[in-house]
Protein backbone atom coordinates (compact mmCIF):
# COMPACT_ATOMS: atom_id res chain seq x y z
CA MET A 1 16.91 10.41 17.20
CA PHE A 2 14.17 13.10 17.27
CA GLU A 3 16.18 16.26 17.32
CA GLY A 4 13.95 19.27 17.21
CA PHE A 5 10.93 17.30 18.49
CA VAL A 6 9.27 18.15 21.82
CA GLU A 7 8.49 15.30 24.14
CA ARG A 8 5.00 15.45 25.67
CA ARG A 9 2.95 13.45 28.09
CA VAL A 10 -0.70 13.83 27.07
CA ALA A 11 -3.46 12.82 29.46
CA THR A 12 -6.45 11.05 27.90
CA SER A 13 -9.68 9.65 29.39
CA GLY A 14 -7.59 6.44 29.71
CA PRO A 15 -3.79 6.28 30.00
CA THR A 16 -1.27 9.01 29.63
CA ILE A 17 0.32 8.80 26.19
CA ALA A 18 3.89 9.67 25.39
CA ALA A 19 4.18 11.78 22.19
CA TRP A 20 7.05 13.42 20.27
CA VAL A 21 5.89 16.56 18.29
CA GLY A 22 7.91 18.35 15.70
CA GLY A 23 7.68 20.32 12.45
CA SER A 24 4.98 22.53 11.06
CA GLY A 25 2.04 22.21 8.65
CA PRO A 26 -0.95 19.79 8.45
CA PRO A 27 -0.96 17.27 11.36
CA LEU A 28 0.34 13.77 10.74
CA LEU A 29 0.05 11.02 13.33
CA LEU A 30 2.63 8.17 13.24
CA LEU A 31 1.73 4.87 14.95
CA HIS A 32 4.31 2.13 15.48
CA GLY A 33 4.11 -1.66 15.63
CA TYR A 34 5.42 -4.60 17.69
CA PRO A 35 7.76 -4.87 19.63
CA GLN A 36 8.62 -1.24 18.94
CA THR A 37 7.95 2.29 19.95
CA HIS A 38 7.66 5.74 18.18
CA VAL A 39 11.39 5.28 17.54
CA CYS A 40 10.57 3.05 14.50
CA TRP A 41 9.93 6.41 12.67
CA HIS A 42 13.30 7.96 13.50
CA LEU A 43 14.61 7.70 9.93
CA VAL A 44 11.43 9.11 8.44
CA ALA A 45 9.94 11.67 10.90
CA PRO A 46 12.57 14.45 10.37
CA ALA A 47 11.88 14.62 6.61
CA LEU A 48 8.13 14.49 7.13
CA ALA A 49 8.40 17.26 9.73
CA GLN A 50 9.56 19.61 6.98
CA HIS A 51 6.08 19.35 5.51
CA PHE A 52 3.82 18.34 8.42
CA THR A 53 3.36 18.75 12.17
CA VAL A 54 4.43 15.22 13.03
CA VAL A 55 3.06 13.55 16.15
CA ALA A 56 4.88 10.23 16.82
CA THR A 57 3.31 8.41 19.82
CA ASP A 58 3.85 5.30 21.91
CA LEU A 59 0.69 3.17 21.87
CA ARG A 60 -0.87 2.41 25.28
CA GLY A 61 1.16 -0.41 26.83
CA TYR A 62 4.32 0.35 24.81
CA GLY A 63 7.34 2.53 25.25
CA ASP A 64 6.88 5.33 27.77
CA SER A 65 3.03 5.38 27.54
CA GLU A 66 1.05 4.23 30.54
CA LYS A 67 0.23 0.46 30.71
CA PRO A 68 -3.22 -0.32 32.06
CA PRO A 69 -3.61 -3.83 33.44
CA GLY A 70 -5.47 -6.41 31.29
CA ASP A 71 -8.49 -8.39 32.30
CA LYS A 72 -10.42 -11.38 30.94
CA THR A 73 -12.31 -9.28 28.40
CA HIS A 74 -9.01 -7.78 26.95
CA MET A 75 -11.06 -4.65 26.33
CA ALA A 76 -8.30 -2.40 27.69
CA TYR A 77 -6.14 -3.39 24.69
CA SER A 78 -8.93 -3.46 22.04
CA LYS A 79 -8.04 -1.45 19.05
CA ARG A 80 -11.13 0.61 19.71
CA GLU A 81 -9.72 1.80 23.11
CA MET A 82 -6.24 2.17 21.65
CA ALA A 83 -7.61 4.29 18.75
CA LYS A 84 -9.60 6.47 21.14
CA ASP A 85 -6.33 7.28 23.00
CA GLN A 86 -4.80 8.59 19.87
CA VAL A 87 -7.78 10.66 18.81
CA GLU A 88 -7.77 12.29 22.23
CA VAL A 89 -4.08 12.94 22.06
CA MET A 90 -4.49 14.76 18.71
CA ALA A 91 -7.48 16.69 20.10
CA ALA A 92 -5.39 17.77 23.15
CA LEU A 93 -2.73 19.00 20.79
CA GLY A 94 -5.27 21.01 18.94
CA PHE A 95 -5.93 18.75 15.90
CA ALA A 96 -9.55 17.87 15.24
CA ARG A 97 -8.62 16.26 11.82
CA PHE A 98 -5.32 14.73 10.85
CA ARG A 99 -3.59 12.26 8.58
CA VAL A 100 -2.26 8.90 9.79
CA ALA A 101 0.73 6.74 8.80
CA SER A 102 0.88 3.43 10.59
CA HIS A 103 2.77 0.20 10.80
CA ASP A 104 1.96 -3.31 12.06
CA ARG A 105 -0.09 -3.12 15.36
CA GLY A 106 -0.29 0.60 15.01
CA ALA A 107 -1.88 0.07 11.55
CA ARG A 108 -4.55 -2.18 13.18
CA VAL A 109 -5.20 0.71 15.61
CA ALA A 110 -5.40 3.05 12.67
CA HIS A 111 -7.85 0.84 10.81
CA ARG A 112 -10.20 0.84 13.76
CA MET A 113 -9.75 4.53 14.15
CA ALA A 114 -10.80 5.16 10.53
CA LEU A 115 -13.97 3.10 11.22
CA ASP A 116 -14.85 4.61 14.60
CA HIS A 117 -13.75 8.17 13.94
CA PRO A 118 -14.12 8.85 10.22
CA GLU A 119 -14.63 12.56 10.84
CA ARG A 120 -11.09 12.65 12.32
CA VAL A 121 -8.92 10.74 9.75
CA GLU A 122 -8.27 12.63 6.50
CA LYS A 123 -5.91 10.20 4.93
CA LEU A 124 -4.61 6.81 6.07
CA ALA A 125 -1.50 4.80 5.22
CA VAL A 126 -1.05 1.28 6.56
CA MET A 127 2.12 -0.68 6.28
CA ASP A 128 2.56 -4.48 6.05
CA ILE A 129 -0.79 -5.68 7.35
CA VAL A 130 -4.06 -6.88 5.97
CA PRO A 131 -7.29 -6.71 8.15
CA THR A 132 -7.15 -8.98 11.22
CA ARG A 133 -10.19 -11.09 10.12
CA GLU A 134 -8.47 -11.90 6.84
CA VAL A 135 -5.22 -12.97 8.60
CA PHE A 136 -7.15 -15.56 10.76
CA ALA A 137 -9.37 -16.69 7.78
CA ALA A 138 -6.34 -17.35 5.60
CA MET A 139 -4.31 -19.16 8.25
CA GLY A 140 -2.64 -22.29 7.05
CA GLN A 141 0.69 -24.01 7.77
CA ARG A 142 2.92 -21.56 5.90
CA LEU A 143 1.22 -18.39 7.30
CA ALA A 144 0.98 -19.80 10.83
CA THR A 145 4.66 -20.49 10.81
CA ALA A 146 5.39 -16.89 9.76
CA TYR A 147 2.81 -15.55 12.29
CA TYR A 148 3.65 -17.99 15.10
CA HIS A 149 3.87 -15.23 17.69
CA TRP A 150 0.17 -14.46 17.15
CA PHE A 151 -0.65 -17.78 18.76
CA PHE A 152 2.04 -17.77 21.45
CA LEU A 153 1.20 -14.24 22.74
CA ILE A 154 -2.50 -14.96 23.05
CA GLN A 155 -1.93 -17.84 25.46
CA PRO A 156 -3.41 -17.10 28.99
CA ALA A 157 -1.42 -15.02 31.33
CA ASP A 158 1.09 -15.29 32.60
CA PHE A 159 2.57 -18.01 30.34
CA PRO A 160 4.04 -15.88 27.53
CA GLU A 161 4.75 -13.07 29.95
CA HIS A 162 6.85 -15.48 32.12
CA VAL A 163 8.71 -16.91 29.05
CA ILE A 164 9.55 -13.58 27.48
CA GLY A 165 10.48 -12.10 30.81
CA GLN A 166 13.31 -14.65 31.19
CA ASP A 167 15.31 -12.87 28.48
CA PRO A 168 13.42 -9.89 26.99
CA ASP A 169 16.47 -8.70 24.95
CA PHE A 170 16.61 -12.02 23.20
CA TRP A 171 12.85 -11.94 22.51
CA VAL A 172 12.96 -8.42 21.10
CA GLU A 173 15.89 -9.19 18.80
CA ARG A 174 14.29 -12.47 17.71
CA SER A 175 11.02 -10.71 16.89
CA LEU A 176 12.77 -7.92 15.10
CA ALA A 177 14.84 -10.33 13.08
CA GLY A 178 11.62 -11.88 11.73
CA ILE A 179 11.68 -14.04 8.59
CA SER A 180 14.72 -12.30 7.29
CA ARG A 181 16.84 -13.21 10.38
CA THR A 182 18.53 -9.89 10.18
CA LEU A 183 18.50 -6.74 12.35
CA PRO A 184 18.31 -3.72 9.95
CA PHE A 185 18.19 -1.26 12.89
CA SER A 186 20.43 1.36 14.23
CA ALA A 187 22.23 0.73 17.57
CA GLU A 188 20.34 3.56 19.14
CA ALA A 189 16.91 2.16 18.12
CA LEU A 190 17.76 -1.33 19.18
CA ALA A 191 18.79 -0.02 22.58
CA GLU A 192 15.52 1.81 22.93
CA TYR A 193 13.46 -1.26 21.95
CA ARG A 194 15.37 -3.42 24.55
CA ARG A 195 15.02 -0.78 27.28
CA CYS A 196 11.20 -0.45 26.85
CA PHE A 197 10.65 -4.18 26.63
CA ARG A 198 12.49 -4.94 29.82
CA ASP A 199 9.49 -3.55 31.70
CA PRO A 200 7.17 -6.48 32.80
CA ALA A 201 4.22 -4.20 32.40
CA ALA A 202 5.17 -3.66 28.75
CA ILE A 203 5.47 -7.37 28.12
CA HIS A 204 2.02 -8.00 29.69
CA ALA A 205 0.50 -5.13 27.77
CA SER A 206 1.84 -6.28 24.45
CA CYS A 207 0.45 -9.83 25.10
CA GLU A 208 -2.91 -8.24 25.90
CA ASP A 209 -2.75 -6.34 22.57
CA TYR A 210 -2.57 -9.76 20.73
CA ARG A 211 -5.11 -11.34 23.08
CA ALA A 212 -7.53 -8.50 22.12
CA GLY A 213 -6.74 -9.13 18.48
CA ALA A 214 -7.91 -12.69 18.75
CA SER A 215 -11.01 -11.92 20.74
CA ILE A 216 -12.71 -8.49 21.26
CA ASP A 217 -11.27 -6.99 18.13
CA LEU A 218 -12.79 -9.78 16.01
CA MET A 219 -16.12 -9.11 17.71
CA HIS A 220 -15.89 -5.44 16.82
CA ASP A 221 -14.87 -6.30 13.25
CA GLU A 222 -17.74 -8.68 12.90
CA ALA A 223 -20.20 -6.01 14.09
CA ASP A 224 -18.73 -3.64 11.42
CA LEU A 225 -18.59 -5.85 8.35
CA ASP A 226 -20.65 -3.40 6.42
CA ALA A 227 -18.47 -0.40 7.40
CA ARG A 228 -15.89 1.02 5.06
CA ILE A 229 -12.85 3.19 5.39
CA ALA A 230 -14.12 6.52 3.99
CA CYS A 231 -10.82 8.39 3.59
CA PRO A 232 -8.14 7.88 0.93
CA LEU A 233 -6.09 4.78 1.75
CA MET A 234 -2.58 3.78 0.81
CA VAL A 235 -1.16 0.39 1.55
CA LEU A 236 2.58 -0.47 1.60
CA TRP A 237 3.97 -3.97 2.14
CA GLY A 238 7.45 -5.49 2.20
CA ALA A 239 8.58 -7.67 -0.65
CA ARG A 240 10.67 -9.80 1.77
CA ALA A 241 8.02 -10.00 4.43
CA ALA A 242 5.17 -12.50 5.07
CA LEU A 243 2.35 -10.38 3.50
CA PRO A 244 3.07 -11.52 -0.06
CA HIS A 245 1.64 -14.86 1.08
CA PHE A 246 -1.79 -13.18 0.70
CA HIS A 247 -1.15 -12.59 -3.06
CA ASP A 248 -3.65 -9.72 -3.36
CA VAL A 249 -2.94 -7.30 -0.53
CA GLU A 250 -4.65 -4.42 -2.43
CA GLY A 251 -7.75 -6.44 -3.07
CA LEU A 252 -8.16 -7.38 0.59
CA TRP A 253 -8.01 -3.72 1.59
CA GLN A 254 -10.22 -2.67 -1.42
CA ALA A 255 -12.92 -4.74 0.17
CA ARG A 256 -12.72 -2.63 3.32
CA ALA A 257 -12.52 0.76 1.67
CA ALA A 258 -15.14 3.05 0.15
CA GLY A 259 -12.77 4.56 -2.41
CA THR A 260 -9.95 3.31 -4.59
CA VAL A 261 -6.99 1.82 -2.66
CA GLU A 262 -3.42 2.71 -3.64
CA GLY A 263 -0.85 -0.12 -3.06
CA HIS A 264 2.86 -0.46 -3.38
CA GLU A 265 5.34 -3.37 -2.71
CA MET A 266 8.38 -1.94 -0.93
CA PRO A 267 12.01 -3.14 -1.20
CA ALA A 268 12.01 -4.24 2.44
CA GLY A 269 11.09 -6.88 4.89
CA HIS A 270 8.42 -6.25 7.49
CA PHE A 271 9.96 -3.12 9.19
CA ILE A 272 9.40 -0.76 6.23
CA PRO A 273 10.16 2.62 7.84
CA GLU A 274 13.57 1.41 8.98
CA GLU A 275 14.46 -0.84 6.03
CA ALA A 276 13.39 1.46 3.25
CA PRO A 277 13.20 4.97 4.74
CA ALA A 278 13.84 6.94 1.50
CA GLU A 279 10.99 5.02 -0.30
CA THR A 280 8.71 5.38 2.74
CA ILE A 281 9.31 9.20 2.80
CA ALA A 282 8.66 9.50 -0.95
CA HIS A 283 5.37 7.64 -0.79
CA LEU A 284 4.10 9.44 2.36
CA LEU A 285 5.03 12.93 1.08
CA ARG A 286 3.21 12.33 -2.18
CA PHE A 287 0.21 10.56 -0.70
CA MET A 288 -0.28 12.83 2.31
CA ALA A 289 0.17 16.10 0.45
């Protein structure tokens, strides 16, 4: 799925991160979401690599990246630590500044990266999220139903780990189907998502990712209420996903950005890079140029 890309294992001050590097030109980091890996970009990355040096990574705890154990603070899976991993990966590859395109959990990592490392991020695209604080603040019956997994995965270990571990393939497919109840993924991509999620350490790590989102990440966000994303920001969201429940996605991001936010509704559900690859490529090529 990533022909012409070179697979790397990049040591950081934390875990070793799996990365796939291809193309030439300005550096562009791609960050995936849950319950996926770098493979979520397989329909998009080759076209981007004609214009950029593309680096598609597995977040710590996911895919073939290392999976540190969690603890009661959930700090190991804070978006601050996950963002630092990615900054160190790019530095190890020779990129002090770079553009970032991100989806779902990866977009939460990218949001934190833009706040903690503004000198590193030149441009940022986030897909199908609003800031974590706004999700919890807006939570009602309708949104909680769509985001049910946020509350299941944050339950104390090892309750969700045990339940998911009984049939990880079922869980992955059910999570990927989402509110559309369809699986718009290639057979190769689905096989890779299943393979990676069969690892009990990956199941635990992904739960820790969400536990951090409901605890330490909120503390970091609260401390940074006055901080703003300094770089140009583009937001994409799926017309058939849960995000339209927020009504003003652009406005929520505008409140977190120093400059004007560019927003576009996409003809897709939640998994934009795989459901609307042509449109995703077009927006990213134009915005990141």
